Amino acid sequence: MKTILFILIIFIITLKVFSQDLIVNKKGDSLKCKIIKIEKEYIYFTYYYKNSIKDTNLATAQVKEFISDYYTKPEASSYKNANKKNKIIRIAASGGYSYRVARLSPDIPNDFVDYMKKLRNGYAFSSDIIFHDSKSFWAGFKYSYAKFINEMDNIYIIYPNNSIRYGKLRDDVTINYIAPSMNFLLFSKNKMTKYILGMSIGYLNYKDNALLIDRYLIKGETVGVTFDYGFDFCLSGSYDLGLLFSFNIASLGVYKISDGTTVRKVQLEKGKYENLSRIDLTIGLRFLK
C-alpha cells in the first residue's frame, strides 16, 4: 500500500509540473502561462508565443486575478497543432521483458534459490486503446499479459514413511490484467515525440500450471494497479514507435489449487500474501486514427 501511495504521489506531481496557470488583467484579457514567482509588486511567468517560450512579468496592480493549475494542457503541447488532421484514437501494441520484483522468502531451501531467481524473469505483452477529446487527457482500456516459466529435473520428495519419489519441478505462470485507464499525453517542442503518463486499476488473473512430480493447477484473482511511463516517436502521420515502462502492483491473498481430482482453497495470512508486482519494459507500434 505504501508503494502504491508513493507512486501515486509522484504521478500527481508529474501531472502538476506540466499544468498551466491563468492570469486575467483588469481589462479582462486572459493569458495562459506558467507562474514562476509571485512578489508584492510583480508576478513573474513564462508563456508560449510563436513556437518559443517567453519570460516576462506583470505588475500586480494590473492583475485582476490569477488561478494556479487552471489548464492541464501546456500550450506547447497542442495536439491539434501537432497533426493537421486531429487524431482521436490511439491503439498501441507492445512486447518485451518482464521482471517480478518480489523478494525471495528466506524459507526457500538453498537448492531452489537459483530456480526461483530465474522464475522472476519472463516476457510481457500489452495492448492499449485510448480516446481523447482534443485535450491532453485520454481515457481508455488496457490489457497486459505476462509469462514466467522455469523447470528443474531430478528432484525428489521424501515422504513420512521414508519412501522417495523422483521427478521434475516446473512452473508455468500466466498473469492477465484488464482495466480502464486514464492517460496524460504531452508533446515535445518539435512535435516528433510524445510523452505518455498512464494509470489504471482493474482485474488481475493469476494461473500457474505447476509440476511437482505430479501436476497441479494454481489459480487466483485480485485487483491490480499499473503505472505507465512511455515515449512515442513519430514514424509517419498515423504510426509511432513506442517505448513503454510499466510498474504493475498486485498481491494474491487467496488461491485455489487443484490436483485434477480435488480442489483446495488456500487463504494466506496477512503479511504473507503472494507478491505479483513486476516491471515491464516493452517496445511496439502505435496507430493513430
C-alpha atoms as a PDB file:
ATOM      1  CA  MET A   1       0.000   0.000   0.000  1.00  0.00           C
ATOM      2  CA  LYS A   2       2.871   2.399   0.798  1.00  0.00           C
ATOM      3  CA  THR A   3       4.402   1.664  -2.615  1.00  0.00           C
ATOM      4  CA  ILE A   4       1.125   2.438  -4.406  1.00  0.00           C
ATOM      5  CA  LEU A   5       0.704   5.673  -2.424  1.00  0.00           C
ATOM      6  CA  PHE A   6       4.281   6.788  -3.176  1.00  0.00           C
ATOM      7  CA  ILE A   7       3.945   6.171  -6.929  1.00  0.00           C
ATOM      8  CA  LEU A   8       0.541   7.864  -6.984  1.00  0.00           C
ATOM      9  CA  ILE A   9       2.046  10.978  -5.354  1.00  0.00           C
ATOM     10  CA  ILE A  10       4.868  11.028  -7.926  1.00  0.00           C
ATOM     11  CA  PHE A  11       2.312  10.592 -10.704  1.00  0.00           C
ATOM     12  CA  ILE A  12       0.215  13.530  -9.469  1.00  0.00           C
ATOM     13  CA  ILE A  13       3.295  15.734  -9.038  1.00  0.00           C
ATOM     14  CA  THR A  14       4.351  14.930 -12.598  1.00  0.00           C
ATOM     15  CA  LEU A  15       0.973  15.998 -13.935  1.00  0.00           C
ATOM     16  CA  LYS A  16       1.130  19.178 -11.871  1.00  0.00           C
ATOM     17  CA  VAL A  17       4.520  20.097 -13.314  1.00  0.00           C
ATOM     18  CA  PHE A  18       3.037  20.100 -16.806  1.00  0.00           C
ATOM     19  CA  SER A  19      -0.128  22.031 -15.886  1.00  0.00           C
ATOM     20  CA  GLN A  20      -0.507  25.757 -16.636  1.00  0.00           C
ATOM     21  CA  ASP A  21      -1.920  28.799 -14.881  1.00  0.00           C
ATOM     22  CA  LEU A  22      -4.303  31.611 -15.844  1.00  0.00           C
ATOM     23  CA  ILE A  23      -3.739  35.345 -15.379  1.00  0.00           C
ATOM     24  CA  VAL A  24      -6.560  37.817 -16.021  1.00  0.00           C
ATOM     25  CA  ASN A  25      -5.720  41.531 -16.148  1.00  0.00           C
ATOM     26  CA  LYS A  26      -8.018  44.369 -15.156  1.00  0.00           C
ATOM     27  CA  LYS A  27      -9.018  44.886 -18.811  1.00  0.00           C
ATOM     28  CA  GLY A  28     -10.439  41.367 -18.843  1.00  0.00           C
ATOM     29  CA  ASP A  29      -7.716  39.868 -21.043  1.00  0.00           C
ATOM     30  CA  SER A  30      -6.617  36.346 -20.101  1.00  0.00           C
ATOM     31  CA  LEU A  31      -3.218  34.731 -20.529  1.00  0.00           C
ATOM     32  CA  LYS A  32      -2.312  31.056 -20.376  1.00  0.00           C
ATOM     33  CA  CYS A  33       1.096  30.788 -18.703  1.00  0.00           C
ATOM     34  CA  LYS A  34       3.242  29.161 -16.039  1.00  0.00           C
ATOM     35  CA  ILE A  35       3.675  31.340 -12.955  1.00  0.00           C
ATOM     36  CA  ILE A  36       7.267  31.169 -11.673  1.00  0.00           C
ATOM     37  CA  LYS A  37       7.226  33.579  -8.754  1.00  0.00           C
ATOM     38  CA  ILE A  38       4.775  35.947  -7.073  1.00  0.00           C
ATOM     39  CA  GLU A  39       6.057  39.051  -5.293  1.00  0.00           C
ATOM     40  CA  LYS A  40       4.325  42.045  -3.767  1.00  0.00           C
ATOM     41  CA  GLU A  41       4.700  44.227  -6.869  1.00  0.00           C
ATOM     42  CA  TYR A  42       5.194  41.733  -9.720  1.00  0.00           C
ATOM     43  CA  ILE A  43       4.127  38.295 -10.943  1.00  0.00           C
ATOM     44  CA  TYR A  44       6.845  36.512 -12.933  1.00  0.00           C
ATOM     45  CA  PHE A  45       5.764  33.926 -15.503  1.00  0.00           C
ATOM     46  CA  THR A  46       6.585  32.170 -18.771  1.00  0.00           C
ATOM     47  CA  TYR A  47       4.284  31.762 -21.762  1.00  0.00           C
ATOM     48  CA  TYR A  48       4.344  30.188 -25.208  1.00  0.00           C
ATOM     49  CA  TYR A  49       4.465  32.552 -28.185  1.00  0.00           C
ATOM     50  CA  LYS A  50       5.315  31.836 -31.845  1.00  0.00           C
ATOM     51  CA  ASN A  51       6.977  28.453 -31.184  1.00  0.00           C
ATOM     52  CA  SER A  52       9.139  29.701 -28.321  1.00  0.00           C
ATOM     53  CA  ILE A  53       8.966  30.158 -24.540  1.00  0.00           C
ATOM     54  CA  LYS A  54       8.999  33.786 -23.317  1.00  0.00           C
ATOM     55  CA  ASP A  55       9.898  35.028 -19.802  1.00  0.00           C
ATOM     56  CA  THR A  56       8.273  38.222 -18.515  1.00  0.00           C
ATOM     57  CA  ASN A  57       6.457  39.819 -15.583  1.00  0.00           C
ATOM     58  CA  LEU A  58       3.312  41.800 -14.894  1.00  0.00           C
ATOM     59  CA  ALA A  59       2.670  44.389 -12.192  1.00  0.00           C
ATOM     60  CA  THR A  60       0.255  43.089  -9.556  1.00  0.00           C
ATOM     61  CA  ALA A  61      -1.630  46.396  -9.824  1.00  0.00           C
ATOM     62  CA  GLN A  62      -2.626  45.361 -13.365  1.00  0.00           C
ATOM     63  CA  VAL A  63      -3.819  41.879 -12.350  1.00  0.00           C
ATOM     64  CA  LYS A  64      -7.456  41.189 -11.622  1.00  0.00           C
ATOM     65  CA  GLU A  65      -6.956  37.538 -10.669  1.00  0.00           C
ATOM     66  CA  PHE A  66      -4.755  34.526 -11.252  1.00  0.00           C
ATOM     67  CA  ILE A  67      -5.605  30.818 -10.953  1.00  0.00           C
ATOM     68  CA  SER A  68      -2.957  28.145 -10.489  1.00  0.00           C
ATOM     69  CA  ASP A  69      -3.229  24.878 -12.469  1.00  0.00           C
ATOM     70  CA  TYR A  70      -6.187  26.268 -14.436  1.00  0.00           C
ATOM     71  CA  TYR A  71      -5.116  24.394 -17.566  1.00  0.00           C
ATOM     72  CA  THR A  72      -3.984  20.764 -17.674  1.00  0.00           C
ATOM     73  CA  LYS A  73      -2.671  21.068 -21.237  1.00  0.00           C
ATOM     74  CA  PRO A  74       0.513  23.074 -21.909  1.00  0.00           C
ATOM     75  CA  GLU A  75       0.295  25.442 -24.872  1.00  0.00           C
ATOM     76  CA  ALA A  76       3.432  23.923 -26.378  1.00  0.00           C
ATOM     77  CA  SER A  77       1.815  20.524 -26.473  1.00  0.00           C
ATOM     78  CA  SER A  78      -1.300  21.302 -28.503  1.00  0.00           C
ATOM     79  CA  TYR A  79      -2.442  18.087 -30.083  1.00  0.00           C
ATOM     80  CA  LYS A  80      -4.253  19.902 -32.883  1.00  0.00           C
ATOM     81  CA  ASN A  81      -1.118  21.770 -33.853  1.00  0.00           C
ATOM     82  CA  ALA A  82       0.857  18.541 -33.929  1.00  0.00           C
ATOM     83  CA  ASN A  83      -1.399  16.952 -36.523  1.00  0.00           C
ATOM     84  CA  LYS A  84      -3.161  18.588 -39.437  1.00  0.00           C
ATOM     85  CA  LYS A  85      -5.901  16.035 -39.025  1.00  0.00           C
ATOM     86  CA  ASN A  86      -6.915  15.607 -35.413  1.00  0.00           C
ATOM     87  CA  LYS A  87      -6.404  12.013 -34.204  1.00  0.00           C
ATOM     88  CA  ILE A  88      -8.954  10.818 -31.665  1.00  0.00           C
ATOM     89  CA  ILE A  89      -7.985   7.142 -31.190  1.00  0.00           C
ATOM     90  CA  ARG A  90      -4.600   5.694 -30.242  1.00  0.00           C
ATOM     91  CA  ILE A  91      -4.117   1.921 -30.470  1.00  0.00           C
ATOM     92  CA  ALA A  92      -0.893   0.502 -29.055  1.00  0.00           C
ATOM     93  CA  ALA A  93       0.661  -2.969 -29.014  1.00  0.00           C
ATOM     94  CA  SER A  94       3.951  -3.702 -27.234  1.00  0.00           C
ATOM     95  CA  GLY A  95       6.086  -6.658 -26.229  1.00  0.00           C
ATOM     96  CA  GLY A  96       9.264  -7.154 -24.228  1.00  0.00           C
ATOM     97  CA  TYR A  97      10.874  -8.076 -20.929  1.00  0.00           C
ATOM     98  CA  SER A  98       9.156  -8.583 -17.574  1.00  0.00           C
ATOM     99  CA  TYR A  99      10.689  -8.937 -14.115  1.00  0.00           C
ATOM    100  CA  ARG A 100       8.914  -9.867 -10.874  1.00  0.00           C
ATOM    101  CA  VAL A 101      10.223  -7.647  -8.093  1.00  0.00           C
ATOM    102  CA  ALA A 102       9.133  -9.651  -5.039  1.00  0.00           C
ATOM    103  CA  ARG A 103      11.839 -10.585  -2.548  1.00  0.00           C
ATOM    104  CA  LEU A 104      12.580 -14.271  -2.196  1.00  0.00           C
ATOM    105  CA  SER A 105      11.383 -15.864   1.010  1.00  0.00           C
ATOM    106  CA  PRO A 106      14.192 -16.799   3.432  1.00  0.00           C
ATOM    107  CA  ASP A 107      12.383 -20.142   3.902  1.00  0.00           C
ATOM    108  CA  ILE A 108      13.268 -21.310   0.364  1.00  0.00           C
ATOM    109  CA  PRO A 109      15.810 -24.184   0.536  1.00  0.00           C
ATOM    110  CA  ASN A 110      19.248 -23.320  -0.871  1.00  0.00           C
ATOM    111  CA  ASP A 111      18.862 -25.886  -3.657  1.00  0.00           C
ATOM    112  CA  PHE A 112      15.883 -23.932  -5.049  1.00  0.00           C
ATOM    113  CA  VAL A 113      17.047 -20.315  -4.654  1.00  0.00           C
ATOM    114  CA  ASP A 114      18.561 -20.191  -8.154  1.00  0.00           C
ATOM    115  CA  TYR A 115      15.396 -21.752  -9.583  1.00  0.00           C
ATOM    116  CA  MET A 116      13.208 -19.050  -8.008  1.00  0.00           C
ATOM    117  CA  LYS A 117      15.534 -16.264  -9.186  1.00  0.00           C
ATOM    118  CA  LYS A 118      15.248 -17.453 -12.791  1.00  0.00           C
ATOM    119  CA  LEU A 119      11.464 -17.704 -12.421  1.00  0.00           C
ATOM    120  CA  ARG A 120      11.385 -13.945 -11.807  1.00  0.00           C
ATOM    121  CA  ASN A 121      12.348 -13.301 -15.447  1.00  0.00           C
ATOM    122  CA  GLY A 122       9.775 -13.506 -18.209  1.00  0.00           C
ATOM    123  CA  TYR A 123       8.190 -11.680 -21.091  1.00  0.00           C
ATOM    124  CA  ALA A 124       5.210  -9.376 -21.383  1.00  0.00           C
ATOM    125  CA  PHE A 125       2.724  -8.158 -23.967  1.00  0.00           C
ATOM    126  CA  SER A 126       0.376  -5.198 -23.621  1.00  0.00           C
ATOM    127  CA  SER A 127      -2.324  -3.586 -25.700  1.00  0.00           C
ATOM    128  CA  ASP A 128      -3.962  -0.207 -25.147  1.00  0.00           C
ATOM    129  CA  ILE A 129      -6.775   1.652 -26.840  1.00  0.00           C
ATOM    130  CA  ILE A 130      -7.344   5.220 -25.688  1.00  0.00           C
ATOM    131  CA  PHE A 131      -9.596   8.060 -26.816  1.00  0.00           C
ATOM    132  CA  HIS A 132      -9.346  11.824 -26.422  1.00  0.00           C
ATOM    133  CA  ASP A 133     -11.419  14.964 -26.944  1.00  0.00           C
ATOM    134  CA  SER A 134      -8.739  17.264 -28.383  1.00  0.00           C
ATOM    135  CA  LYS A 135      -7.121  17.710 -24.981  1.00  0.00           C
ATOM    136  CA  SER A 136      -4.111  16.072 -23.365  1.00  0.00           C
ATOM    137  CA  PHE A 137      -6.238  13.843 -21.134  1.00  0.00           C
ATOM    138  CA  TRP A 138      -7.049  10.465 -22.658  1.00  0.00           C
ATOM    139  CA  ALA A 139      -9.319   7.711 -21.318  1.00  0.00           C
ATOM    140  CA  GLY A 140      -9.330   4.112 -22.485  1.00  0.00           C
ATOM    141  CA  PHE A 141      -8.675   0.465 -21.714  1.00  0.00           C
ATOM    142  CA  LYS A 142      -5.522  -1.510 -21.021  1.00  0.00           C
ATOM    143  CA  TYR A 143      -4.740  -5.222 -21.326  1.00  0.00           C
ATOM    144  CA  SER A 144      -1.465  -6.860 -20.327  1.00  0.00           C
ATOM    145  CA  TYR A 145      -0.170 -10.414 -20.356  1.00  0.00           C
ATOM    146  CA  ALA A 146       2.960 -11.732 -18.625  1.00  0.00           C
ATOM    147  CA  LYS A 147       4.560 -15.182 -18.734  1.00  0.00           C
ATOM    148  CA  PHE A 148       7.158 -16.741 -16.394  1.00  0.00           C
ATOM    149  CA  ILE A 149       8.468 -20.290 -16.937  1.00  0.00           C
ATOM    150  CA  ASN A 150      11.199 -22.392 -15.336  1.00  0.00           C
ATOM    151  CA  GLU A 151      11.821 -26.084 -14.695  1.00  0.00           C
ATOM    152  CA  MET A 152      14.255 -28.353 -12.873  1.00  0.00           C
ATOM    153  CA  ASP A 153      14.963 -32.060 -13.389  1.00  0.00           C
ATOM    154  CA  ASN A 154      15.902 -34.771 -10.897  1.00  0.00           C
ATOM    155  CA  ILE A 155      14.132 -33.509  -7.806  1.00  0.00           C
ATOM    156  CA  TYR A 156      12.828 -35.883  -5.159  1.00  0.00           C
ATOM    157  CA  ILE A 157      10.324 -35.958  -2.310  1.00  0.00           C
ATOM    158  CA  ILE A 158      10.834 -37.965   0.886  1.00  0.00           C
ATOM    159  CA  TYR A 159       7.524 -38.986   2.441  1.00  0.00           C
ATOM    160  CA  PRO A 160       6.898 -39.640   6.177  1.00  0.00           C
ATOM    161  CA  ASN A 161       7.161 -43.414   5.587  1.00  0.00           C
ATOM    162  CA  ASN A 162      10.680 -42.773   4.129  1.00  0.00           C
ATOM    163  CA  SER A 163       9.603 -43.637   0.597  1.00  0.00           C
ATOM    164  CA  ILE A 164      11.144 -41.467  -2.136  1.00  0.00           C
ATOM    165  CA  ARG A 165       9.733 -40.277  -5.440  1.00  0.00           C
ATOM    166  CA  TYR A 166      11.768 -38.658  -8.219  1.00  0.00           C
ATOM    167  CA  GLY A 167      10.562 -36.336 -10.941  1.00  0.00           C
ATOM    168  CA  LYS A 168      10.540 -32.810 -12.317  1.00  0.00           C
ATOM    169  CA  LEU A 169       9.733 -29.367 -10.907  1.00  0.00           C
ATOM    170  CA  ARG A 170       8.132 -26.852 -13.269  1.00  0.00           C
ATOM    171  CA  ASP A 171       6.227 -23.566 -13.023  1.00  0.00           C
ATOM    172  CA  ASP A 172       4.349 -22.032 -15.953  1.00  0.00           C
ATOM    173  CA  VAL A 173       2.904 -18.769 -14.608  1.00  0.00           C
ATOM    174  CA  THR A 174       0.492 -16.585 -16.588  1.00  0.00           C
ATOM    175  CA  ILE A 175      -0.772 -13.191 -15.395  1.00  0.00           C
ATOM    176  CA  ASN A 176      -3.600 -11.442 -17.253  1.00  0.00           C
ATOM    177  CA  TYR A 177      -4.728  -7.910 -16.455  1.00  0.00           C
ATOM    178  CA  ILE A 178      -7.512  -5.747 -17.878  1.00  0.00           C
ATOM    179  CA  ALA A 179      -8.602  -2.322 -16.698  1.00  0.00           C
ATOM    180  CA  PRO A 180      -9.971   1.093 -17.640  1.00  0.00           C
ATOM    181  CA  SER A 181      -7.175   3.634 -17.856  1.00  0.00           C
ATOM    182  CA  MET A 182      -6.549   7.351 -17.677  1.00  0.00           C
ATOM    183  CA  ASN A 183      -3.626   8.848 -19.584  1.00  0.00           C
ATOM    184  CA  PHE A 184      -1.911  12.198 -19.900  1.00  0.00           C
ATOM    185  CA  LEU A 185      -0.159  12.969 -23.186  1.00  0.00           C
ATOM    186  CA  LEU A 186       2.362  15.736 -23.884  1.00  0.00           C
ATOM    187  CA  PHE A 187       4.325  16.716 -26.969  1.00  0.00           C
ATOM    188  CA  SER A 188       7.949  17.681 -27.314  1.00  0.00           C
ATOM    189  CA  LYS A 189       8.803  21.090 -28.738  1.00  0.00           C
ATOM    190  CA  ASN A 190       9.389  19.717 -32.250  1.00  0.00           C
ATOM    191  CA  LYS A 191       6.162  17.646 -32.074  1.00  0.00           C
ATOM    192  CA  MET A 192       8.057  14.467 -33.046  1.00  0.00           C
ATOM    193  CA  THR A 193       7.975  12.856 -29.588  1.00  0.00           C
ATOM    194  CA  LYS A 194       5.031  12.237 -27.291  1.00  0.00           C
ATOM    195  CA  TYR A 195       5.318  11.619 -23.555  1.00  0.00           C
ATOM    196  CA  ILE A 196       2.646   9.392 -22.016  1.00  0.00           C
ATOM    197  CA  LEU A 197       1.775   9.043 -18.339  1.00  0.00           C
ATOM    198  CA  GLY A 198      -0.884   6.465 -17.583  1.00  0.00           C
ATOM    199  CA  MET A 199      -2.616   4.838 -14.651  1.00  0.00           C
ATOM    200  CA  SER A 200      -5.135   2.000 -14.443  1.00  0.00           C
ATOM    201  CA  ILE A 201      -6.874  -0.049 -11.755  1.00  0.00           C
ATOM    202  CA  GLY A 202      -8.556  -3.307 -12.705  1.00  0.00           C
ATOM    203  CA  TYR A 203      -8.925  -7.072 -12.675  1.00  0.00           C
ATOM    204  CA  LEU A 204      -5.904  -9.401 -12.479  1.00  0.00           C
ATOM    205  CA  ASN A 205      -5.978 -13.158 -13.050  1.00  0.00           C
ATOM    206  CA  TYR A 206      -3.137 -15.462 -11.923  1.00  0.00           C
ATOM    207  CA  LYS A 207      -2.559 -19.037 -13.121  1.00  0.00           C
ATOM    208  CA  ASP A 208       0.317 -21.455 -12.546  1.00  0.00           C
ATOM    209  CA  ASN A 209       0.388 -24.773 -14.402  1.00  0.00           C
ATOM    210  CA  ALA A 210       2.712 -26.357 -11.869  1.00  0.00           C
ATOM    211  CA  LEU A 211       4.516 -29.663 -11.788  1.00  0.00           C
ATOM    212  CA  LEU A 212       5.965 -31.079  -8.584  1.00  0.00           C
ATOM    213  CA  ILE A 213       6.363 -34.687  -9.758  1.00  0.00           C
ATOM    214  CA  ASP A 214       2.546 -34.590 -10.013  1.00  0.00           C
ATOM    215  CA  ARG A 215       0.629 -31.892 -11.891  1.00  0.00           C
ATOM    216  CA  TYR A 216      -1.183 -29.062 -10.113  1.00  0.00           C
ATOM    217  CA  LEU A 217      -3.181 -26.052 -11.251  1.00  0.00           C
ATOM    218  CA  ILE A 218      -2.997 -22.953  -9.054  1.00  0.00           C
ATOM    219  CA  LYS A 219      -5.462 -20.130  -9.798  1.00  0.00           C
ATOM    220  CA  GLY A 220      -6.338 -16.828  -8.161  1.00  0.00           C
ATOM    221  CA  GLU A 221      -7.701 -13.372  -8.893  1.00  0.00           C
ATOM    222  CA  THR A 222      -7.244  -9.947  -7.361  1.00  0.00           C
ATOM    223  CA  VAL A 223      -7.161  -6.206  -8.061  1.00  0.00           C
ATOM    224  CA  GLY A 224      -4.087  -4.715  -9.721  1.00  0.00           C
ATOM    225  CA  VAL A 225      -2.721  -1.218 -10.297  1.00  0.00           C
ATOM    226  CA  THR A 226      -0.481  -0.221 -13.223  1.00  0.00           C
ATOM    227  CA  PHE A 227       1.541   2.949 -13.771  1.00  0.00           C
ATOM    228  CA  ASP A 228       2.821   3.595 -17.307  1.00  0.00           C
ATOM    229  CA  TYR A 229       5.589   5.914 -18.460  1.00  0.00           C
ATOM    230  CA  GLY A 230       6.096   5.964 -22.214  1.00  0.00           C
ATOM    231  CA  PHE A 231       7.646   7.708 -25.198  1.00  0.00           C
ATOM    232  CA  ASP A 232       6.229   7.642 -28.734  1.00  0.00           C
ATOM    233  CA  PHE A 233       8.473   8.598 -31.648  1.00  0.00           C
ATOM    234  CA  CYS A 234       6.727   9.725 -34.828  1.00  0.00           C
ATOM    235  CA  LEU A 235       7.267   7.464 -37.871  1.00  0.00           C
ATOM    236  CA  SER A 236       4.535   8.921 -40.095  1.00  0.00           C
ATOM    237  CA  GLY A 237       1.222  10.714 -39.814  1.00  0.00           C
ATOM    238  CA  SER A 238      -0.577   7.659 -38.432  1.00  0.00           C
ATOM    239  CA  TYR A 239       2.178   5.472 -36.941  1.00  0.00           C
ATOM    240  CA  ASP A 240       4.530   5.875 -33.985  1.00  0.00           C
ATOM    241  CA  LEU A 241       7.238   3.702 -32.476  1.00  0.00           C
ATOM    242  CA  GLY A 242       6.767   3.478 -28.723  1.00  0.00           C
ATOM    243  CA  LEU A 243       8.873   2.605 -25.690  1.00  0.00           C
ATOM    244  CA  LEU A 244       6.925   1.819 -22.522  1.00  0.00           C
ATOM    245  CA  PHE A 245       7.949   1.316 -18.892  1.00  0.00           C
ATOM    246  CA  SER A 246       5.208  -0.188 -16.700  1.00  0.00           C
ATOM    247  CA  PHE A 247       5.122  -0.843 -12.965  1.00  0.00           C
ATOM    248  CA  ASN A 248       2.423  -3.361 -12.084  1.00  0.00           C
ATOM    249  CA  ILE A 249       1.396  -3.736  -8.434  1.00  0.00           C
ATOM    250  CA  ALA A 250      -0.703  -6.621  -7.074  1.00  0.00           C
ATOM    251  CA  SER A 251      -0.758  -9.252  -4.340  1.00  0.00           C
ATOM    252  CA  LEU A 252      -2.660 -12.510  -4.009  1.00  0.00           C
ATOM    253  CA  GLY A 253      -4.216 -13.450  -0.684  1.00  0.00           C
ATOM    254  CA  VAL A 254      -6.450 -16.342  -1.766  1.00  0.00           C
ATOM    255  CA  TYR A 255      -5.923 -19.013  -4.399  1.00  0.00           C
ATOM    256  CA  LYS A 256      -7.247 -22.446  -5.359  1.00  0.00           C
ATOM    257  CA  ILE A 257      -5.039 -25.469  -6.024  1.00  0.00           C
ATOM    258  CA  SER A 258      -6.266 -28.476  -7.986  1.00  0.00           C
ATOM    259  CA  ASP A 259      -4.575 -31.853  -8.488  1.00  0.00           C
ATOM    260  CA  GLY A 260      -7.098 -32.962 -11.100  1.00  0.00           C
ATOM    261  CA  THR A 261      -9.245 -34.735  -8.544  1.00  0.00           C
ATOM    262  CA  THR A 262      -9.782 -32.313  -5.682  1.00  0.00           C
ATOM    263  CA  VAL A 263      -9.757 -28.533  -5.363  1.00  0.00           C
ATOM    264  CA  ARG A 264      -8.439 -26.879  -2.226  1.00  0.00           C
ATOM    265  CA  LYS A 265      -8.825 -23.207  -1.284  1.00  0.00           C
ATOM    266  CA  VAL A 266      -5.821 -21.596   0.404  1.00  0.00           C
ATOM    267  CA  GLN A 267      -6.125 -18.406   2.467  1.00  0.00           C
ATOM    268  CA  LEU A 268      -2.747 -16.786   3.088  1.00  0.00           C
ATOM    269  CA  GLU A 269      -2.037 -14.874   6.292  1.00  0.00           C
ATOM    270  CA  LYS A 270      -1.874 -11.098   6.139  1.00  0.00           C
ATOM    271  CA  GLY A 271       1.709 -10.073   5.514  1.00  0.00           C
ATOM    272  CA  LYS A 272       2.418 -13.331   3.691  1.00  0.00           C
ATOM    273  CA  TYR A 273       0.459 -12.653   0.509  1.00  0.00           C
ATOM    274  CA  GLU A 274       1.985 -13.714  -2.819  1.00  0.00           C
ATOM    275  CA  ASN A 275       3.560 -10.590  -4.304  1.00  0.00           C
ATOM    276  CA  LEU A 276       2.747 -10.417  -8.033  1.00  0.00           C
ATOM    277  CA  SER A 277       4.289  -6.978  -8.622  1.00  0.00           C
ATOM    278  CA  ARG A 278       6.514  -6.655 -11.664  1.00  0.00           C
ATOM    279  CA  ILE A 279       8.284  -4.245 -14.007  1.00  0.00           C
ATOM    280  CA  ASP A 280       7.730  -4.424 -17.776  1.00  0.00           C
ATOM    281  CA  LEU A 281       9.959  -2.802 -20.380  1.00  0.00           C
ATOM    282  CA  THR A 282       8.370  -3.104 -23.815  1.00  0.00           C
ATOM    283  CA  ILE A 283       8.565  -1.657 -27.316  1.00  0.00           C
ATOM    284  CA  GLY A 284       5.955  -1.613 -30.076  1.00  0.00           C
ATOM    285  CA  LEU A 285       3.858   0.226 -32.634  1.00  0.00           C
ATOM    286  CA  ARG A 286       1.137   2.816 -32.095  1.00  0.00           C
ATOM    287  CA  PHE A 287      -1.616   3.545 -34.605  1.00  0.00           C
ATOM    288  CA  LEU A 288      -3.385   6.918 -34.569  1.00  0.00           C
ATOM    289  CA  LYS A 289      -6.768   7.336 -36.189  1.00  0.00           C
END
